[in-house]
Amino acid sequence: MPKKLLGTNTLPTLAQERLSTWGRCIHTQRLRQRITAADLCERMSISEATLRRLERGDPGTGAGAYLAALLILGMLDEATPPLASSLWSDSPHRRVKLSRQERGSDEDVEYF
């Protein structure tokens, strides 16, 4: 079994709370929609042990598993609203300008 990358003691509190909330939502919606654990596991191609970890909000469960479960149960857009395109798209004319300190001064060039 692979070593967990994140434990609950190293994960920020807000992230752990979000995973726990997603896990509770997945569990609640699965029961409300009368989907058995075995059926959801089959649709997601995961084991029942992984589903139990997912429903508990375990940070060792992959993000893809959480998102797949939310999508299958019809809650993806409510639980994870789409990000604004300004957060991930690059504008070709927008560049980061280095400060004088980051660029270095002429004195630094002659130092070596």
Protein backbone atom coordinates (compact mmCIF):
# COMPACT_ATOMS: atom_id res chain seq x y z
CA MET A 1 0.00 0.00 0.00
CA PRO A 2 1.46 3.40 -0.95
CA LYS A 3 2.36 5.87 1.76
CA LYS A 4 -0.14 8.68 2.29
CA LEU A 5 1.17 12.01 1.11
CA LEU A 6 -1.00 14.11 3.40
CA GLY A 7 -2.16 13.37 6.89
CA THR A 8 -4.79 15.22 8.84
CA ASN A 9 -2.05 16.76 10.99
CA THR A 10 -0.31 18.41 8.00
CA LEU A 11 -3.37 19.53 6.07
CA PRO A 12 -4.64 23.09 6.64
CA THR A 13 -7.81 23.19 8.71
CA LEU A 14 -9.90 24.82 5.99
CA ALA A 15 -8.91 22.14 3.47
CA GLN A 16 -9.72 19.36 5.95
CA GLU A 17 -13.10 20.93 6.70
CA ARG A 18 -13.87 21.14 2.97
CA LEU A 19 -12.97 17.46 2.44
CA SER A 20 -15.11 16.44 5.42
CA THR A 21 -18.04 18.44 4.05
CA TRP A 22 -17.63 16.87 0.60
CA GLY A 23 -17.48 13.43 2.19
CA ARG A 24 -20.67 14.01 4.19
CA CYS A 25 -22.41 15.35 1.06
CA ILE A 26 -21.36 12.33 -0.97
CA HIS A 27 -22.59 9.95 1.73
CA THR A 28 -25.89 11.80 2.23
CA GLN A 29 -26.67 12.13 -1.48
CA ARG A 30 -25.76 8.50 -2.15
CA LEU A 31 -28.28 7.41 0.49
CA ARG A 32 -30.96 9.91 -0.66
CA GLN A 33 -30.63 8.73 -4.24
CA ARG A 34 -30.72 5.11 -3.03
CA ILE A 35 -27.39 4.26 -4.67
CA THR A 36 -25.63 1.39 -2.98
CA ALA A 37 -21.98 1.65 -2.08
CA ALA A 38 -21.22 -1.21 -4.45
CA ASP A 39 -22.96 0.53 -7.37
CA LEU A 40 -21.16 3.83 -6.79
CA CYS A 41 -17.84 2.03 -6.44
CA GLU A 42 -18.43 0.21 -9.70
CA ARG A 43 -19.24 3.46 -11.53
CA MET A 44 -16.14 5.12 -10.10
CA SER A 45 -13.86 2.07 -10.44
CA ILE A 46 -12.79 2.24 -6.80
CA SER A 47 -12.96 -0.19 -3.89
CA GLU A 48 -15.51 0.05 -1.10
CA ALA A 49 -12.67 0.82 1.32
CA THR A 50 -11.77 3.85 -0.80
CA LEU A 51 -15.41 4.96 -0.82
CA ARG A 52 -15.54 4.71 2.97
CA ARG A 53 -12.38 6.85 3.21
CA LEU A 54 -13.87 9.31 0.72
CA GLU A 55 -17.10 9.62 2.72
CA ARG A 56 -15.05 10.27 5.88
CA GLY A 57 -13.15 13.11 4.18
CA ASP A 58 -9.78 11.35 4.23
CA PRO A 59 -7.13 13.63 2.63
CA GLY A 60 -5.27 10.58 1.31
CA THR A 61 -8.07 9.92 -1.15
CA GLY A 62 -7.33 11.50 -4.52
CA ALA A 63 -9.01 14.73 -5.56
CA GLY A 64 -10.19 13.00 -8.71
CA ALA A 65 -12.21 10.53 -6.63
CA TYR A 66 -13.98 13.34 -4.79
CA LEU A 67 -14.75 15.17 -8.02
CA ALA A 68 -15.93 12.01 -9.78
CA ALA A 69 -18.29 11.16 -6.91
CA LEU A 70 -19.67 14.69 -6.84
CA LEU A 71 -20.20 14.57 -10.62
CA ILE A 72 -21.92 11.17 -10.57
CA LEU A 73 -24.23 12.31 -7.76
CA GLY A 74 -25.06 15.56 -9.61
CA MET A 75 -23.47 17.94 -7.09
CA LEU A 76 -20.24 18.98 -8.79
CA ASP A 77 -21.25 22.53 -9.72
CA GLU A 78 -22.74 23.19 -6.29
CA ALA A 79 -19.78 21.81 -4.34
CA THR A 80 -17.05 23.20 -6.59
CA PRO A 81 -18.17 26.20 -8.61
CA PRO A 82 -16.08 26.84 -11.75
CA LEU A 83 -13.14 29.19 -11.31
CA ALA A 84 -13.12 32.53 -13.04
CA SER A 85 -11.07 32.32 -16.22
CA SER A 86 -8.96 35.26 -15.08
CA LEU A 87 -7.43 32.98 -12.43
CA TRP A 88 -6.02 30.42 -14.87
CA SER A 89 -5.79 32.00 -18.29
CA ASP A 90 -2.68 33.87 -19.33
CA SER A 91 -2.81 37.07 -21.22
CA PRO A 92 0.04 37.16 -23.75
CA HIS A 93 0.63 40.87 -23.12
CA ARG A 94 0.69 40.65 -19.36
CA ARG A 95 4.13 40.11 -17.90
CA VAL A 96 5.50 40.30 -14.44
CA LYS A 97 7.92 43.16 -14.03
CA LEU A 98 10.84 42.50 -11.73
CA SER A 99 11.66 45.03 -9.05
CA ARG A 100 15.06 46.75 -9.01
CA GLN A 101 16.13 44.52 -6.15
CA GLU A 102 15.16 41.37 -8.07
CA ARG A 103 16.87 42.63 -11.24
CA GLY A 104 19.95 43.61 -9.29
CA SER A 105 21.88 46.80 -9.69
CA ASP A 106 24.91 47.53 -11.85
CA GLU A 107 27.14 47.03 -8.82
CA ASP A 108 26.11 43.36 -8.64
CA VAL A 109 27.13 42.81 -12.26
CA GLU A 110 30.69 43.97 -11.59
CA TYR A 111 30.95 41.97 -8.36
CA PHE A 112 31.93 38.78 -10.16
